[in-house]
Amino acid sequence: MSAADRFAGVNTIAARGPSTFAENVTPSDTVDLTYVSTRIWVGVTGHVRWTPLDVADGSYVLTKNLPVGFHDIRAKRIWATGTTATDIVSYA
């Protein structure tokens, strides 16, 4: 199942407001997040391989050495392969 975008059709500024949904992320090469993230929390520094919201061809971004903290990432999937960061939480 593809990740749903809780902010589809909404002004992008609204998507940057307070989160109303969060989920602990288990990185997966086959399963999307429940909702497209507005930001993610990285609890332990590392690489994060992720698929952006508007990508349909299976491509991804590998963001290296993300430090602990919040990152404004609109991801529909966090991949297991290539992701070394841990304690990741997705907010939407």
Protein backbone atom coordinates (compact mmCIF):
# COMPACT_ATOMS: atom_id res chain seq x y z
CA MET A 1 0.00 0.00 0.00
CA SER A 2 1.30 3.43 -0.89
CA ALA A 3 1.77 6.09 1.76
CA ALA A 4 -1.15 8.51 1.98
CA ASP A 5 -0.44 12.23 1.90
CA ARG A 6 -2.41 13.83 4.72
CA PHE A 7 -1.72 17.25 3.17
CA ALA A 8 -2.67 16.59 -0.46
CA GLY A 9 -4.33 19.71 -1.82
CA VAL A 10 -3.41 21.75 1.26
CA ASN A 11 -1.18 24.80 1.27
CA THR A 12 2.34 23.57 1.95
CA ILE A 13 2.69 26.01 4.84
CA ALA A 14 -0.06 24.07 6.65
CA ALA A 15 2.00 20.89 6.26
CA ARG A 16 4.74 22.53 8.33
CA GLY A 17 2.51 23.12 11.33
CA PRO A 18 2.28 20.90 14.39
CA SER A 19 2.21 17.19 13.65
CA THR A 20 -0.93 15.24 14.44
CA PHE A 21 0.45 11.78 13.62
CA ALA A 22 3.71 10.02 14.44
CA GLU A 23 4.99 6.51 13.90
CA ASN A 24 8.18 4.69 14.77
CA VAL A 25 9.86 3.77 11.52
CA THR A 26 10.99 0.27 10.69
CA PRO A 27 12.94 0.84 7.49
CA SER A 28 11.71 -1.41 4.68
CA ASP A 29 12.57 -2.00 1.04
CA THR A 30 8.96 -3.02 0.28
CA VAL A 31 6.59 -1.18 2.65
CA ASP A 32 5.77 2.54 2.54
CA LEU A 33 5.15 4.67 5.61
CA THR A 34 1.52 4.93 6.73
CA TYR A 35 1.51 8.64 5.83
CA VAL A 36 3.98 10.74 3.87
CA SER A 37 6.18 12.43 6.45
CA THR A 38 6.36 16.18 6.96
CA ARG A 39 9.55 15.66 8.97
CA ILE A 40 11.50 12.84 10.52
CA TRP A 41 13.38 12.49 13.79
CA VAL A 42 16.72 10.70 13.71
CA GLY A 43 17.73 9.39 17.14
CA VAL A 44 21.12 7.96 16.17
CA THR A 45 23.24 9.60 13.45
CA GLY A 46 23.62 7.75 10.16
CA HIS A 47 22.56 7.53 6.51
CA VAL A 48 18.89 7.58 5.51
CA ARG A 49 17.76 6.25 2.13
CA TRP A 50 14.29 7.59 1.36
CA THR A 51 11.80 8.00 -1.47
CA PRO A 52 10.45 11.54 -1.92
CA LEU A 53 6.70 12.17 -2.05
CA ASP A 54 6.44 12.82 -5.80
CA VAL A 55 8.66 9.99 -7.07
CA ALA A 56 6.84 7.19 -8.88
CA ASP A 57 9.73 5.46 -10.64
CA GLY A 58 11.29 3.82 -7.57
CA SER A 59 14.20 6.23 -7.33
CA TYR A 60 15.45 7.42 -3.97
CA VAL A 61 17.68 9.86 -2.16
CA LEU A 62 20.54 8.77 0.10
CA THR A 63 21.16 11.47 2.67
CA LYS A 64 24.44 10.72 4.40
CA ASN A 65 25.37 11.34 8.01
CA LEU A 66 22.09 12.87 9.18
CA PRO A 67 22.74 14.11 12.70
CA VAL A 68 20.44 13.49 15.63
CA GLY A 69 17.40 15.76 15.41
CA PHE A 70 14.47 16.78 13.23
CA HIS A 71 14.80 16.93 9.43
CA ASP A 72 12.21 18.37 7.03
CA ILE A 73 11.84 15.34 4.77
CA ARG A 74 8.63 14.57 2.81
CA ALA A 75 9.23 10.82 2.44
CA LYS A 76 6.84 8.07 1.47
CA ARG A 77 9.35 5.29 2.26
CA ILE A 78 12.43 4.88 4.43
CA TRP A 79 14.50 2.06 2.95
CA ALA A 80 16.23 -0.67 4.96
CA THR A 81 19.01 -0.99 2.39
CA GLY A 82 21.38 1.93 2.82
CA THR A 83 19.83 3.27 6.02
CA THR A 84 22.21 3.17 8.97
CA ALA A 85 20.52 5.81 11.15
CA THR A 86 18.30 4.37 13.88
CA ASP A 87 15.53 5.44 16.23
CA ILE A 88 13.71 7.13 13.35
CA VAL A 89 10.24 8.59 13.85
CA SER A 90 8.04 9.89 11.03
CA TYR A 91 5.71 12.83 11.69
CA ALA A 92 2.73 13.85 9.56
